[in-house]
All heavy atoms as atom14 arrays in JSON, in Angstrom:
{
  "sequence": "YSTWIFYVLLMDLCAQVAVALRQPLECISVEMVFRSF",
  "atom14_mask": [
    [1, 1, 1, 1, 1, 1, 1, 1, 1, 1, 1, 1, 0, 0],
    [1, 1, 1, 1, 1, 1, 0, 0, 0, 0, 0, 0, 0, 0],
    [1, 1, 1, 1, 1, 1, 1, 0, 0, 0, 0, 0, 0, 0],
    [1, 1, 1, 1, 1, 1, 1, 1, 1, 1, 1, 1, 1, 1],
    [1, 1, 1, 1, 1, 1, 1, 1, 0, 0, 0, 0, 0, 0],
    [1, 1, 1, 1, 1, 1, 1, 1, 1, 1, 1, 0, 0, 0],
    [1, 1, 1, 1, 1, 1, 1, 1, 1, 1, 1, 1, 0, 0],
    [1, 1, 1, 1, 1, 1, 1, 0, 0, 0, 0, 0, 0, 0],
    [1, 1, 1, 1, 1, 1, 1, 1, 0, 0, 0, 0, 0, 0],
    [1, 1, 1, 1, 1, 1, 1, 1, 0, 0, 0, 0, 0, 0],
    [1, 1, 1, 1, 1, 1, 1, 1, 0, 0, 0, 0, 0, 0],
    [1, 1, 1, 1, 1, 1, 1, 1, 0, 0, 0, 0, 0, 0],
    [1, 1, 1, 1, 1, 1, 1, 1, 0, 0, 0, 0, 0, 0],
    [1, 1, 1, 1, 1, 1, 0, 0, 0, 0, 0, 0, 0, 0],
    [1, 1, 1, 1, 1, 0, 0, 0, 0, 0, 0, 0, 0, 0],
    [1, 1, 1, 1, 1, 1, 1, 1, 1, 0, 0, 0, 0, 0],
    [1, 1, 1, 1, 1, 1, 1, 0, 0, 0, 0, 0, 0, 0],
    [1, 1, 1, 1, 1, 0, 0, 0, 0, 0, 0, 0, 0, 0],
    [1, 1, 1, 1, 1, 1, 1, 0, 0, 0, 0, 0, 0, 0],
    [1, 1, 1, 1, 1, 0, 0, 0, 0, 0, 0, 0, 0, 0],
    [1, 1, 1, 1, 1, 1, 1, 1, 0, 0, 0, 0, 0, 0],
    [1, 1, 1, 1, 1, 1, 1, 1, 1, 1, 1, 0, 0, 0],
    [1, 1, 1, 1, 1, 1, 1, 1, 1, 0, 0, 0, 0, 0],
    [1, 1, 1, 1, 1, 1, 1, 0, 0, 0, 0, 0, 0, 0],
    [1, 1, 1, 1, 1, 1, 1, 1, 0, 0, 0, 0, 0, 0],
    [1, 1, 1, 1, 1, 1, 1, 1, 1, 0, 0, 0, 0, 0],
    [1, 1, 1, 1, 1, 1, 0, 0, 0, 0, 0, 0, 0, 0],
    [1, 1, 1, 1, 1, 1, 1, 1, 0, 0, 0, 0, 0, 0],
    [1, 1, 1, 1, 1, 1, 0, 0, 0, 0, 0, 0, 0, 0],
    [1, 1, 1, 1, 1, 1, 1, 0, 0, 0, 0, 0, 0, 0],
    [1, 1, 1, 1, 1, 1, 1, 1, 1, 0, 0, 0, 0, 0],
    [1, 1, 1, 1, 1, 1, 1, 1, 0, 0, 0, 0, 0, 0],
    [1, 1, 1, 1, 1, 1, 1, 0, 0, 0, 0, 0, 0, 0],
    [1, 1, 1, 1, 1, 1, 1, 1, 1, 1, 1, 0, 0, 0],
    [1, 1, 1, 1, 1, 1, 1, 1, 1, 1, 1, 0, 0, 0],
    [1, 1, 1, 1, 1, 1, 0, 0, 0, 0, 0, 0, 0, 0],
    [1, 1, 1, 1, 1, 1, 1, 1, 1, 1, 1, 0, 0, 0]
  ],
  "atom14_positions": [
    [[-11.94, 32.98, -6.39], [-12.29, 34.11, -7.29], [-11.74, 35.42, -6.7], [-11.41, 36.33, -7.49], [-13.79, 34.14, -7.48], [-14.26, 33.14, -8.5], [-14.74, 31.91, -8.16], [-14.19, 33.47, -9.86], [-15.17, 30.99, -9.12], [-14.59, 32.55, -10.84], [-15.07, 31.32, -10.45], [-15.46, 30.43, -11.4], [0.0, 0.0, 0.0], [0.0, 0.0, 0.0]],
    [[-11.66, 35.55, -5.36], [-11.08, 36.78, -4.81], [-9.59, 36.84, -5.17], [-9.1, 37.94, -5.5], [-11.26, 36.76, -3.3], [-12.57, 36.67, -2.93], [0.0, 0.0, 0.0], [0.0, 0.0, 0.0], [0.0, 0.0, 0.0], [0.0, 0.0, 0.0], [0.0, 0.0, 0.0], [0.0, 0.0, 0.0], [0.0, 0.0, 0.0], [0.0, 0.0, 0.0]],
    [[-8.91, 35.73, -5.14], [-7.49, 35.72, -5.5], [-7.26, 36.1, -6.94], [-6.39, 36.86, -7.3], [-6.88, 34.34, -5.21], [-7.07, 34.0, -3.85], [-5.39, 34.33, -5.51], [0.0, 0.0, 0.0], [0.0, 0.0, 0.0], [0.0, 0.0, 0.0], [0.0, 0.0, 0.0], [0.0, 0.0, 0.0], [0.0, 0.0, 0.0], [0.0, 0.0, 0.0]],
    [[-8.11, 35.53, -7.85], [-7.98, 35.88, -9.24], [-8.38, 37.34, -9.53], [-7.84, 37.93, -10.5], [-8.82, 34.9, -10.11], [-8.15, 33.59, -10.29], [-8.42, 32.41, -9.67], [-7.07, 33.27, -11.23], [-7.57, 31.41, -10.1], [-6.73, 31.92, -11.06], [-6.34, 34.04, -12.11], [-5.74, 31.28, -11.8], [-5.33, 33.44, -12.88], [-5.07, 32.07, -12.71]],
    [[-9.3, 37.89, -8.75], [-9.63, 39.32, -8.95], [-8.36, 40.14, -8.67], [-8.06, 41.06, -9.48], [-10.77, 39.72, -8.0], [-12.1, 39.15, -8.56], [-10.87, 41.24, -7.92], [-13.31, 39.38, -7.63], [0.0, 0.0, 0.0], [0.0, 0.0, 0.0], [0.0, 0.0, 0.0], [0.0, 0.0, 0.0], [0.0, 0.0, 0.0], [0.0, 0.0, 0.0]],
    [[-7.69, 39.88, -7.6], [-6.46, 40.65, -7.31], [-5.35, 40.34, -8.31], [-4.54, 41.2, -8.63], [-5.99, 40.4, -5.88], [-4.77, 41.24, -5.53], [-4.89, 42.6, -5.32], [-3.51, 40.69, -5.5], [-3.76, 43.37, -5.0], [-2.38, 41.44, -5.21], [-2.52, 42.8, -4.98], [0.0, 0.0, 0.0], [0.0, 0.0, 0.0], [0.0, 0.0, 0.0]],
    [[-5.3, 39.09, -8.77], [-4.32, 38.72, -9.79], [-4.5, 39.58, -11.06], [-3.51, 40.03, -11.65], [-4.45, 37.21, -10.12], [-3.59, 36.8, -11.3], [-2.27, 36.43, -11.16], [-4.13, 36.74, -12.59], [-1.51, 36.02, -12.24], [-3.38, 36.35, -13.7], [-2.04, 35.99, -13.48], [-1.3, 35.61, -14.58], [0.0, 0.0, 0.0], [0.0, 0.0, 0.0]],
    [[-5.74, 39.84, -11.47], [-6.03, 40.68, -12.63], [-5.5, 42.06, -12.38], [-4.82, 42.67, -13.26], [-7.54, 40.7, -12.87], [-7.84, 41.78, -13.94], [-8.02, 39.34, -13.39], [0.0, 0.0, 0.0], [0.0, 0.0, 0.0], [0.0, 0.0, 0.0], [0.0, 0.0, 0.0], [0.0, 0.0, 0.0], [0.0, 0.0, 0.0], [0.0, 0.0, 0.0]],
    [[-5.69, 42.63, -11.19], [-5.16, 43.97, -10.9], [-3.66, 43.93, -10.93], [-3.04, 44.87, -11.49], [-5.68, 44.38, -9.5], [-5.25, 45.78, -9.03], [-6.34, 46.4, -8.17], [-3.96, 45.75, -8.23], [0.0, 0.0, 0.0], [0.0, 0.0, 0.0], [0.0, 0.0, 0.0], [0.0, 0.0, 0.0], [0.0, 0.0, 0.0], [0.0, 0.0, 0.0]],
    [[-3.03, 42.91, -10.38], [-1.57, 42.85, -10.37], [-1.01, 42.75, -11.78], [-0.02, 43.4, -12.1], [-1.16, 41.63, -9.51], [0.35, 41.37, -9.37], [1.06, 42.53, -8.72], [0.6, 40.12, -8.56], [0.0, 0.0, 0.0], [0.0, 0.0, 0.0], [0.0, 0.0, 0.0], [0.0, 0.0, 0.0], [0.0, 0.0, 0.0], [0.0, 0.0, 0.0]],
    [[-1.6, 41.95, -12.63], [-1.1, 41.78, -13.99], [-1.33, 43.07, -14.83], [-0.52, 43.45, -15.68], [-1.77, 40.61, -14.68], [-1.41, 39.25, -14.06], [0.35, 38.97, -13.86], [0.9, 39.21, -15.57], [0.0, 0.0, 0.0], [0.0, 0.0, 0.0], [0.0, 0.0, 0.0], [0.0, 0.0, 0.0], [0.0, 0.0, 0.0], [0.0, 0.0, 0.0]],
    [[-2.44, 43.76, -14.55], [-2.66, 45.05, -15.24], [-1.59, 46.06, -14.86], [-1.11, 46.79, -15.7], [-4.08, 45.55, -14.91], [-4.36, 46.88, -15.58], [-4.42, 46.9, -16.87], [-4.53, 47.91, -14.92], [0.0, 0.0, 0.0], [0.0, 0.0, 0.0], [0.0, 0.0, 0.0], [0.0, 0.0, 0.0], [0.0, 0.0, 0.0], [0.0, 0.0, 0.0]],
    [[-1.22, 46.08, -13.57], [-0.16, 46.96, -13.12], [1.19, 46.56, -13.75], [1.95, 47.44, -14.18], [-0.07, 46.92, -11.58], [1.01, 47.77, -10.94], [0.75, 49.26, -11.21], [1.07, 47.5, -9.47], [0.0, 0.0, 0.0], [0.0, 0.0, 0.0], [0.0, 0.0, 0.0], [0.0, 0.0, 0.0], [0.0, 0.0, 0.0], [0.0, 0.0, 0.0]],
    [[1.5, 45.27, -13.82], [2.72, 44.83, -14.47], [2.73, 45.21, -15.95], [3.82, 45.53, -16.48], [2.87, 43.32, -14.29], [3.2, 42.75, -12.61], [0.0, 0.0, 0.0], [0.0, 0.0, 0.0], [0.0, 0.0, 0.0], [0.0, 0.0, 0.0], [0.0, 0.0, 0.0], [0.0, 0.0, 0.0], [0.0, 0.0, 0.0], [0.0, 0.0, 0.0]],
    [[1.59, 45.18, -16.58], [1.51, 45.54, -17.98], [1.85, 47.04, -18.15], [2.57, 47.42, -19.09], [0.12, 45.27, -18.55], [0.0, 0.0, 0.0], [0.0, 0.0, 0.0], [0.0, 0.0, 0.0], [0.0, 0.0, 0.0], [0.0, 0.0, 0.0], [0.0, 0.0, 0.0], [0.0, 0.0, 0.0], [0.0, 0.0, 0.0], [0.0, 0.0, 0.0]],
    [[1.38, 47.86, -17.22], [1.72, 49.31, -17.3], [3.2, 49.51, -17.08], [3.82, 50.37, -17.72], [0.9, 50.05, -16.26], [-0.61, 50.04, -16.53], [-1.34, 50.81, -15.47], [-0.91, 51.85, -14.98], [-2.52, 50.32, -15.08], [0.0, 0.0, 0.0], [0.0, 0.0, 0.0], [0.0, 0.0, 0.0], [0.0, 0.0, 0.0], [0.0, 0.0, 0.0]],
    [[3.8, 48.76, -16.15], [5.23, 48.86, -15.94], [5.98, 48.42, -17.15], [7.01, 49.03, -17.54], [5.6, 48.04, -14.66], [7.15, 47.98, -14.52], [4.96, 48.61, -13.41], [0.0, 0.0, 0.0], [0.0, 0.0, 0.0], [0.0, 0.0, 0.0], [0.0, 0.0, 0.0], [0.0, 0.0, 0.0], [0.0, 0.0, 0.0], [0.0, 0.0, 0.0]],
    [[5.54, 47.33, -17.8], [6.22, 46.83, -18.97], [6.22, 47.85, -20.11], [7.21, 48.08, -20.81], [5.59, 45.53, -19.44], [0.0, 0.0, 0.0], [0.0, 0.0, 0.0], [0.0, 0.0, 0.0], [0.0, 0.0, 0.0], [0.0, 0.0, 0.0], [0.0, 0.0, 0.0], [0.0, 0.0, 0.0], [0.0, 0.0, 0.0], [0.0, 0.0, 0.0]],
    [[5.04, 48.5, -20.3], [4.92, 49.55, -21.36], [5.86, 50.71, -21.0], [6.53, 51.23, -21.9], [3.46, 49.98, -21.51], [3.38, 51.16, -22.44], [2.62, 48.84, -22.01], [0.0, 0.0, 0.0], [0.0, 0.0, 0.0], [0.0, 0.0, 0.0], [0.0, 0.0, 0.0], [0.0, 0.0, 0.0], [0.0, 0.0, 0.0], [0.0, 0.0, 0.0]],
    [[5.87, 51.11, -19.77], [6.73, 52.27, -19.36], [8.21, 51.95, -19.54], [8.99, 52.84, -19.9], [6.43, 52.67, -17.95], [0.0, 0.0, 0.0], [0.0, 0.0, 0.0], [0.0, 0.0, 0.0], [0.0, 0.0, 0.0], [0.0, 0.0, 0.0], [0.0, 0.0, 0.0], [0.0, 0.0, 0.0], [0.0, 0.0, 0.0], [0.0, 0.0, 0.0]],
    [[8.59, 50.72, -19.27], [9.99, 50.28, -19.43], [10.34, 49.84, -20.84], [11.49, 49.46, -21.09], [10.33, 49.19, -18.41], [10.33, 49.6, -16.92], [10.5, 48.31, -16.06], [11.39, 50.61, -16.62], [0.0, 0.0, 0.0], [0.0, 0.0, 0.0], [0.0, 0.0, 0.0], [0.0, 0.0, 0.0], [0.0, 0.0, 0.0], [0.0, 0.0, 0.0]],
    [[9.32, 49.77, -21.68], [9.49, 49.32, -23.11], [10.05, 47.88, -23.15], [11.03, 47.61, -23.84], [10.38, 50.3, -23.86], [9.8, 51.68, -23.96], [10.73, 52.61, -24.75], [10.18, 53.94, -24.86], [10.77, 54.99, -25.47], [11.97, 54.79, -26.06], [10.19, 56.12, -25.5], [0.0, 0.0, 0.0], [0.0, 0.0, 0.0], [0.0, 0.0, 0.0]],
    [[9.45, 47.05, -22.32], [9.82, 45.64, -22.26], [8.59, 44.77, -22.49], [7.49, 45.18, -22.17], [10.4, 45.32, -20.88], [11.67, 46.02, -20.52], [12.89, 45.38, -21.2], [12.81, 44.27, -21.72], [14.02, 46.08, -21.19], [0.0, 0.0, 0.0], [0.0, 0.0, 0.0], [0.0, 0.0, 0.0], [0.0, 0.0, 0.0], [0.0, 0.0, 0.0]],
    [[8.75, 43.58, -23.08], [7.65, 42.65, -23.15], [7.21, 42.27, -21.74], [8.04, 42.23, -20.8], [8.22, 41.45, -23.92], [9.43, 41.96, -24.63], [9.98, 43.06, -23.77], [0.0, 0.0, 0.0], [0.0, 0.0, 0.0], [0.0, 0.0, 0.0], [0.0, 0.0, 0.0], [0.0, 0.0, 0.0], [0.0, 0.0, 0.0], [0.0, 0.0, 0.0]],
    [[5.97, 41.95, -21.53], [5.47, 41.59, -20.21], [6.2, 40.41, -19.65], [6.37, 40.3, -18.42], [3.96, 41.36, -20.28], [3.29, 41.01, -18.95], [3.46, 42.18, -17.95], [1.81, 40.72, -19.13], [0.0, 0.0, 0.0], [0.0, 0.0, 0.0], [0.0, 0.0, 0.0], [0.0, 0.0, 0.0], [0.0, 0.0, 0.0], [0.0, 0.0, 0.0]],
    [[6.6, 39.46, -20.49], [7.25, 38.24, -19.99], [8.61, 38.53, -19.38], [9.14, 37.69, -18.66], [7.41, 37.26, -21.12], [8.29, 37.75, -22.29], [8.46, 36.74, -23.41], [7.63, 35.79, -23.46], [9.27, 37.01, -24.28], [0.0, 0.0, 0.0], [0.0, 0.0, 0.0], [0.0, 0.0, 0.0], [0.0, 0.0, 0.0], [0.0, 0.0, 0.0]],
    [[9.15, 39.75, -19.61], [10.43, 40.11, -19.02], [10.27, 40.8, -17.67], [11.27, 41.08, -17.01], [11.23, 41.06, -19.94], [11.69, 40.25, -21.5], [0.0, 0.0, 0.0], [0.0, 0.0, 0.0], [0.0, 0.0, 0.0], [0.0, 0.0, 0.0], [0.0, 0.0, 0.0], [0.0, 0.0, 0.0], [0.0, 0.0, 0.0], [0.0, 0.0, 0.0]],
    [[9.05, 41.03, -17.23], [8.8, 41.72, -15.95], [8.56, 40.65, -14.87], [7.73, 39.74, -15.07], [7.58, 42.67, -16.07], [7.8, 43.68, -17.16], [7.34, 43.33, -14.75], [9.0, 44.61, -16.91], [0.0, 0.0, 0.0], [0.0, 0.0, 0.0], [0.0, 0.0, 0.0], [0.0, 0.0, 0.0], [0.0, 0.0, 0.0], [0.0, 0.0, 0.0]],
    [[9.21, 40.78, -13.77], [9.03, 39.88, -12.64], [7.8, 40.29, -11.86], [7.82, 41.33, -11.17], [10.29, 39.89, -11.73], [10.05, 39.13, -10.59], [0.0, 0.0, 0.0], [0.0, 0.0, 0.0], [0.0, 0.0, 0.0], [0.0, 0.0, 0.0], [0.0, 0.0, 0.0], [0.0, 0.0, 0.0], [0.0, 0.0, 0.0], [0.0, 0.0, 0.0]],
    [[6.74, 39.51, -11.92], [5.53, 39.83, -11.18], [5.75, 39.75, -9.71], [5.22, 40.57, -8.94], [4.41, 38.83, -11.63], [3.12, 39.13, -10.88], [4.2, 38.9, -13.12], [0.0, 0.0, 0.0], [0.0, 0.0, 0.0], [0.0, 0.0, 0.0], [0.0, 0.0, 0.0], [0.0, 0.0, 0.0], [0.0, 0.0, 0.0], [0.0, 0.0, 0.0]],
    [[6.55, 38.78, -9.28], [6.81, 38.68, -7.84], [7.53, 39.89, -7.28], [7.15, 40.4, -6.2], [7.69, 37.44, -7.55], [8.03, 37.23, -6.08], [8.82, 35.98, -5.83], [9.08, 35.22, -6.8], [9.2, 35.76, -4.68], [0.0, 0.0, 0.0], [0.0, 0.0, 0.0], [0.0, 0.0, 0.0], [0.0, 0.0, 0.0], [0.0, 0.0, 0.0]],
    [[8.5, 40.45, -8.02], [9.2, 41.63, -7.51], [8.34, 42.87, -7.53], [8.47, 43.77, -6.68], [10.49, 41.84, -8.33], [11.53, 40.69, -8.22], [11.84, 40.22, -6.49], [12.5, 41.72, -5.8], [0.0, 0.0, 0.0], [0.0, 0.0, 0.0], [0.0, 0.0, 0.0], [0.0, 0.0, 0.0], [0.0, 0.0, 0.0], [0.0, 0.0, 0.0]],
    [[7.45, 42.94, -8.52], [6.47, 44.1, -8.52], [5.62, 43.99, -7.25], [5.36, 44.96, -6.57], [5.61, 44.05, -9.78], [4.45, 45.02, -9.65], [6.44, 44.38, -11.02], [0.0, 0.0, 0.0], [0.0, 0.0, 0.0], [0.0, 0.0, 0.0], [0.0, 0.0, 0.0], [0.0, 0.0, 0.0], [0.0, 0.0, 0.0], [0.0, 0.0, 0.0]],
    [[5.13, 42.8, -6.94], [4.34, 42.63, -5.74], [5.1, 42.97, -4.51], [4.55, 43.63, -3.58], [3.82, 41.15, -5.72], [2.91, 40.87, -4.56], [1.6, 41.31, -4.58], [3.36, 40.13, -3.48], [0.74, 41.04, -3.53], [2.5, 39.86, -2.44], [1.2, 40.3, -2.46], [0.0, 0.0, 0.0], [0.0, 0.0, 0.0], [0.0, 0.0, 0.0]],
    [[6.33, 42.54, -4.4], [7.14, 42.81, -3.19], [7.52, 44.27, -3.09], [7.86, 44.79, -1.99], [8.41, 41.99, -3.24], [8.17, 40.46, -3.15], [9.47, 39.7, -3.08], [9.21, 38.27, -3.05], [8.93, 37.57, -1.96], [8.87, 38.2, -0.79], [8.75, 36.27, -2.0], [0.0, 0.0, 0.0], [0.0, 0.0, 0.0], [0.0, 0.0, 0.0]],
    [[7.43, 45.02, -4.17], [7.78, 46.45, -4.14], [6.64, 47.29, -3.54], [6.89, 48.5, -3.3], [8.1, 46.95, -5.56], [9.13, 46.21, -6.12], [0.0, 0.0, 0.0], [0.0, 0.0, 0.0], [0.0, 0.0, 0.0], [0.0, 0.0, 0.0], [0.0, 0.0, 0.0], [0.0, 0.0, 0.0], [0.0, 0.0, 0.0], [0.0, 0.0, 0.0]],
    [[5.48, 46.73, -3.36], [4.38, 47.52, -2.82], [4.68, 48.07, -1.41], [4.29, 49.16, -1.04], [3.1, 46.66, -2.71], [2.52, 46.27, -4.08], [1.62, 45.25, -4.2], [2.88, 46.99, -5.23], [1.11, 44.92, -5.43], [2.39, 46.64, -6.47], [1.48, 45.59, -6.58], [0.0, 0.0, 0.0], [0.0, 0.0, 0.0], [0.0, 0.0, 0.0]]
  ]
}
């Protein structure tokens, strides 16, 4: 459950990036967002 809590935060951040880039969320690399931290 701790892992899924952080997963929710990560996906919410990816959603904000997708909106800012005007891309569908499926086009955003979650792994590269995580590595960019």
